[in-house]
Amino acid sequence: MRKDKKKSPKYIKFCPQCGSSNIKWELPQTWSVWKCWDCGYVGAFIIEDSTIAVEIRKDYLERTGKGEGVGRKKRKLKVKSKD
């Protein structure tokens, strides 16, 4: 009986600046340089641990105010009337 070999799982890459998984090689010829298409990070350092990436993402959304209800306060716009 032949046993099927398990293939090693593909590792998901995460941006070290914003924690996004939308990170790809900047140029395929320079395989050591990655680019994040969400925040614009360019560099050789990436994260492969999803638990760390979740914490980075949460912190990034709080710092930038881009999160959905994460540390964001709604502001009322004041309209000045021309009298």
N, C-alpha and C. Protein backbone atom coordinates (compact mmCIF):
# COMPACT_ATOMS: atom_id res chain seq x y z
N MET A 1 0.84 -1.17 0.00
CA MET A 1 0.00 0.00 0.00
C MET A 1 0.89 1.24 0.00
N ARG A 2 0.57 2.14 -0.86
CA ARG A 2 1.38 3.35 -1.00
C ARG A 2 0.77 4.50 -0.18
N LYS A 3 1.61 5.17 0.58
CA LYS A 3 1.14 6.32 1.37
C LYS A 3 1.38 7.59 0.58
N ASP A 4 0.40 8.46 0.58
CA ASP A 4 0.57 9.75 -0.08
C ASP A 4 1.40 10.65 0.82
N LYS A 5 2.37 11.28 0.22
CA LYS A 5 3.20 12.21 0.97
C LYS A 5 2.44 13.51 1.16
N LYS A 6 2.51 14.01 2.36
CA LYS A 6 1.86 15.30 2.62
C LYS A 6 2.75 16.41 2.11
N LYS A 7 2.14 17.30 1.40
CA LYS A 7 2.89 18.46 0.91
C LYS A 7 3.00 19.48 2.04
N SER A 8 4.12 20.13 2.10
CA SER A 8 4.28 21.16 3.13
C SER A 8 3.36 22.33 2.81
N PRO A 9 2.76 22.91 3.84
CA PRO A 9 1.83 24.02 3.60
C PRO A 9 2.55 25.24 3.08
N LYS A 10 1.86 25.98 2.26
CA LYS A 10 2.44 27.24 1.78
C LYS A 10 2.35 28.26 2.90
N TYR A 11 3.40 28.98 3.06
CA TYR A 11 3.42 29.99 4.10
C TYR A 11 2.84 31.29 3.55
N ILE A 12 1.97 31.88 4.34
CA ILE A 12 1.39 33.17 3.96
C ILE A 12 2.34 34.25 4.45
N LYS A 13 2.60 35.20 3.60
CA LYS A 13 3.49 36.31 3.93
C LYS A 13 2.64 37.49 4.40
N PHE A 14 3.14 38.21 5.41
CA PHE A 14 2.45 39.38 5.94
C PHE A 14 3.40 40.56 5.97
N CYS A 15 2.85 41.74 5.80
CA CYS A 15 3.62 42.98 5.85
C CYS A 15 4.01 43.28 7.30
N PRO A 16 5.27 43.62 7.56
CA PRO A 16 5.68 43.95 8.93
C PRO A 16 5.22 45.32 9.40
N GLN A 17 4.76 46.15 8.48
CA GLN A 17 4.33 47.50 8.83
C GLN A 17 2.84 47.57 9.14
N CYS A 18 2.00 46.87 8.32
CA CYS A 18 0.56 46.97 8.52
C CYS A 18 -0.11 45.62 8.77
N GLY A 19 0.61 44.51 8.62
CA GLY A 19 0.04 43.20 8.89
C GLY A 19 -0.83 42.64 7.78
N SER A 20 -0.87 43.28 6.64
CA SER A 20 -1.69 42.82 5.52
C SER A 20 -1.04 41.63 4.82
N SER A 21 -1.87 40.79 4.23
CA SER A 21 -1.34 39.67 3.44
C SER A 21 -1.27 40.03 1.96
N ASN A 22 -1.56 41.27 1.63
CA ASN A 22 -1.50 41.75 0.25
C ASN A 22 -0.07 42.21 -0.05
N ILE A 23 0.87 41.27 0.06
CA ILE A 23 2.28 41.58 -0.13
C ILE A 23 2.84 40.64 -1.19
N LYS A 24 3.57 41.21 -2.13
CA LYS A 24 4.11 40.44 -3.24
C LYS A 24 5.52 40.94 -3.55
N TRP A 25 6.24 40.17 -4.36
CA TRP A 25 7.55 40.63 -4.79
C TRP A 25 7.39 41.91 -5.58
N GLU A 26 8.28 42.86 -5.33
CA GLU A 26 8.22 44.10 -6.10
C GLU A 26 8.54 43.81 -7.56
N LEU A 27 9.61 43.08 -7.78
CA LEU A 27 9.97 42.59 -9.11
C LEU A 27 10.32 41.12 -8.97
N PRO A 28 9.80 40.26 -9.82
CA PRO A 28 10.15 38.84 -9.69
C PRO A 28 11.65 38.57 -9.79
N GLN A 29 12.38 39.43 -10.47
CA GLN A 29 13.82 39.24 -10.61
C GLN A 29 14.55 39.52 -9.29
N THR A 30 13.99 40.39 -8.47
CA THR A 30 14.58 40.69 -7.16
C THR A 30 13.71 40.04 -6.09
N TRP A 31 13.82 38.73 -5.97
CA TRP A 31 12.94 37.96 -5.11
C TRP A 31 13.10 38.26 -3.63
N SER A 32 14.10 39.03 -3.24
CA SER A 32 14.27 39.33 -1.82
C SER A 32 13.62 40.66 -1.41
N VAL A 33 13.05 41.38 -2.36
CA VAL A 33 12.42 42.66 -2.06
C VAL A 33 10.91 42.51 -2.21
N TRP A 34 10.19 42.78 -1.11
CA TRP A 34 8.74 42.64 -1.08
C TRP A 34 8.08 44.00 -1.08
N LYS A 35 6.85 44.08 -1.58
CA LYS A 35 6.09 45.33 -1.57
C LYS A 35 4.68 45.04 -1.06
N CYS A 36 4.24 45.86 -0.11
CA CYS A 36 2.87 45.77 0.39
C CYS A 36 2.01 46.71 -0.43
N TRP A 37 0.94 46.18 -0.99
CA TRP A 37 0.07 46.99 -1.85
C TRP A 37 -0.99 47.73 -1.04
N ASP A 38 -1.00 47.54 0.29
CA ASP A 38 -1.94 48.28 1.13
C ASP A 38 -1.31 49.54 1.72
N CYS A 39 -0.09 49.41 2.27
CA CYS A 39 0.52 50.56 2.94
C CYS A 39 1.73 51.11 2.20
N GLY A 40 2.25 50.37 1.20
CA GLY A 40 3.39 50.85 0.43
C GLY A 40 4.74 50.43 0.96
N TYR A 41 4.79 49.56 1.96
CA TYR A 41 6.05 49.09 2.51
C TYR A 41 6.87 48.39 1.42
N VAL A 42 8.16 48.67 1.36
CA VAL A 42 9.07 47.99 0.45
C VAL A 42 10.28 47.58 1.27
N GLY A 43 10.62 46.29 1.24
CA GLY A 43 11.78 45.83 1.99
C GLY A 43 11.92 44.33 1.93
N ALA A 44 12.98 43.83 2.54
CA ALA A 44 13.28 42.41 2.51
C ALA A 44 12.65 41.66 3.69
N PHE A 45 12.31 42.37 4.74
CA PHE A 45 11.78 41.74 5.95
C PHE A 45 10.29 41.52 5.82
N ILE A 46 9.82 40.28 6.07
CA ILE A 46 8.39 39.97 6.05
C ILE A 46 8.05 39.10 7.25
N ILE A 47 6.77 38.99 7.55
CA ILE A 47 6.28 38.20 8.67
C ILE A 47 5.59 36.96 8.11
N GLU A 48 5.86 35.79 8.71
CA GLU A 48 5.18 34.57 8.30
C GLU A 48 4.33 33.98 9.42
N ASP A 49 4.28 34.63 10.57
CA ASP A 49 3.49 34.16 11.70
C ASP A 49 2.18 34.94 11.75
N SER A 50 1.06 34.25 11.60
CA SER A 50 -0.23 34.94 11.52
C SER A 50 -0.64 35.57 12.85
N THR A 51 -0.22 35.01 13.98
CA THR A 51 -0.60 35.61 15.26
C THR A 51 0.07 36.96 15.45
N ILE A 52 1.31 37.08 15.02
CA ILE A 52 2.01 38.37 15.09
C ILE A 52 1.38 39.34 14.11
N ALA A 53 1.03 38.85 12.93
CA ALA A 53 0.44 39.71 11.89
C ALA A 53 -0.90 40.29 12.35
N VAL A 54 -1.69 39.53 13.09
CA VAL A 54 -2.97 40.03 13.59
C VAL A 54 -2.74 41.20 14.55
N GLU A 55 -1.76 41.06 15.43
CA GLU A 55 -1.45 42.15 16.37
C GLU A 55 -0.92 43.38 15.64
N ILE A 56 -0.06 43.17 14.64
CA ILE A 56 0.46 44.29 13.86
C ILE A 56 -0.67 45.00 13.13
N ARG A 57 -1.59 44.22 12.55
CA ARG A 57 -2.71 44.79 11.80
C ARG A 57 -3.62 45.62 12.71
N LYS A 58 -3.91 45.10 13.91
CA LYS A 58 -4.76 45.81 14.86
C LYS A 58 -4.11 47.13 15.27
N ASP A 59 -2.82 47.08 15.56
CA ASP A 59 -2.09 48.29 15.94
C ASP A 59 -2.04 49.30 14.79
N TYR A 60 -1.82 48.82 13.58
CA TYR A 60 -1.77 49.70 12.41
C TYR A 60 -3.11 50.40 12.19
N LEU A 61 -4.21 49.65 12.30
CA LEU A 61 -5.53 50.25 12.10
C LEU A 61 -5.86 51.28 13.17
N GLU A 62 -5.40 51.04 14.40
CA GLU A 62 -5.62 52.02 15.46
C GLU A 62 -4.80 53.28 15.23
N ARG A 63 -3.54 53.11 14.80
CA ARG A 63 -2.66 54.27 14.56
C ARG A 63 -3.15 55.13 13.41
N THR A 64 -3.60 54.50 12.35
CA THR A 64 -3.99 55.26 11.16
C THR A 64 -5.45 55.68 11.17
N GLY A 65 -6.25 55.06 12.03
CA GLY A 65 -7.67 55.40 12.07
C GLY A 65 -8.45 54.83 10.90
N LYS A 66 -7.92 53.80 10.25
CA LYS A 66 -8.59 53.21 9.10
C LYS A 66 -9.50 52.04 9.48
N GLY A 67 -9.49 51.66 10.73
CA GLY A 67 -10.28 50.50 11.16
C GLY A 67 -11.76 50.82 11.22
N GLU A 68 -12.56 49.77 11.16
CA GLU A 68 -13.99 49.92 11.26
C GLU A 68 -14.37 49.94 12.74
N GLY A 69 -14.47 51.11 13.29
CA GLY A 69 -14.83 51.24 14.69
C GLY A 69 -13.68 50.98 15.64
N VAL A 70 -12.49 50.79 15.14
CA VAL A 70 -11.34 50.52 16.00
C VAL A 70 -10.69 51.84 16.37
N GLY A 71 -10.98 52.32 17.55
CA GLY A 71 -10.36 53.55 18.03
C GLY A 71 -10.74 54.80 17.25
N ARG A 72 -11.78 54.73 16.47
CA ARG A 72 -12.20 55.90 15.70
C ARG A 72 -13.36 56.60 16.36
N LYS A 73 -13.30 57.89 16.37
CA LYS A 73 -14.42 58.68 16.87
C LYS A 73 -15.05 59.40 15.70
N LYS A 74 -16.37 59.41 15.70
CA LYS A 74 -17.05 60.13 14.64
C LYS A 74 -16.98 61.62 14.93
N ARG A 75 -16.67 62.37 13.92
CA ARG A 75 -16.58 63.82 14.07
C ARG A 75 -17.73 64.48 13.35
N LYS A 76 -18.25 65.48 13.96
CA LYS A 76 -19.30 66.26 13.31
C LYS A 76 -18.64 67.42 12.57
N LEU A 77 -19.03 67.59 11.35
CA LEU A 77 -18.49 68.69 10.57
C LEU A 77 -19.27 69.97 10.86
N LYS A 78 -18.52 71.01 11.10
CA LYS A 78 -19.16 72.30 11.33
C LYS A 78 -19.15 73.08 10.02
N VAL A 79 -20.31 73.48 9.62
CA VAL A 79 -20.42 74.23 8.37
C VAL A 79 -20.60 75.70 8.72
N LYS A 80 -19.72 76.50 8.17
CA LYS A 80 -19.83 77.94 8.40
C LYS A 80 -20.75 78.54 7.36
N SER A 81 -21.70 79.29 7.82
CA SER A 81 -22.62 79.92 6.87
C SER A 81 -22.05 81.26 6.44
N LYS A 82 -22.33 81.61 5.21
CA LYS A 82 -21.87 82.90 4.68
C LYS A 82 -22.97 83.93 4.88
N ASP A 83 -22.85 84.71 5.91
CA ASP A 83 -23.84 85.76 6.18
C ASP A 83 -23.25 87.13 6.00
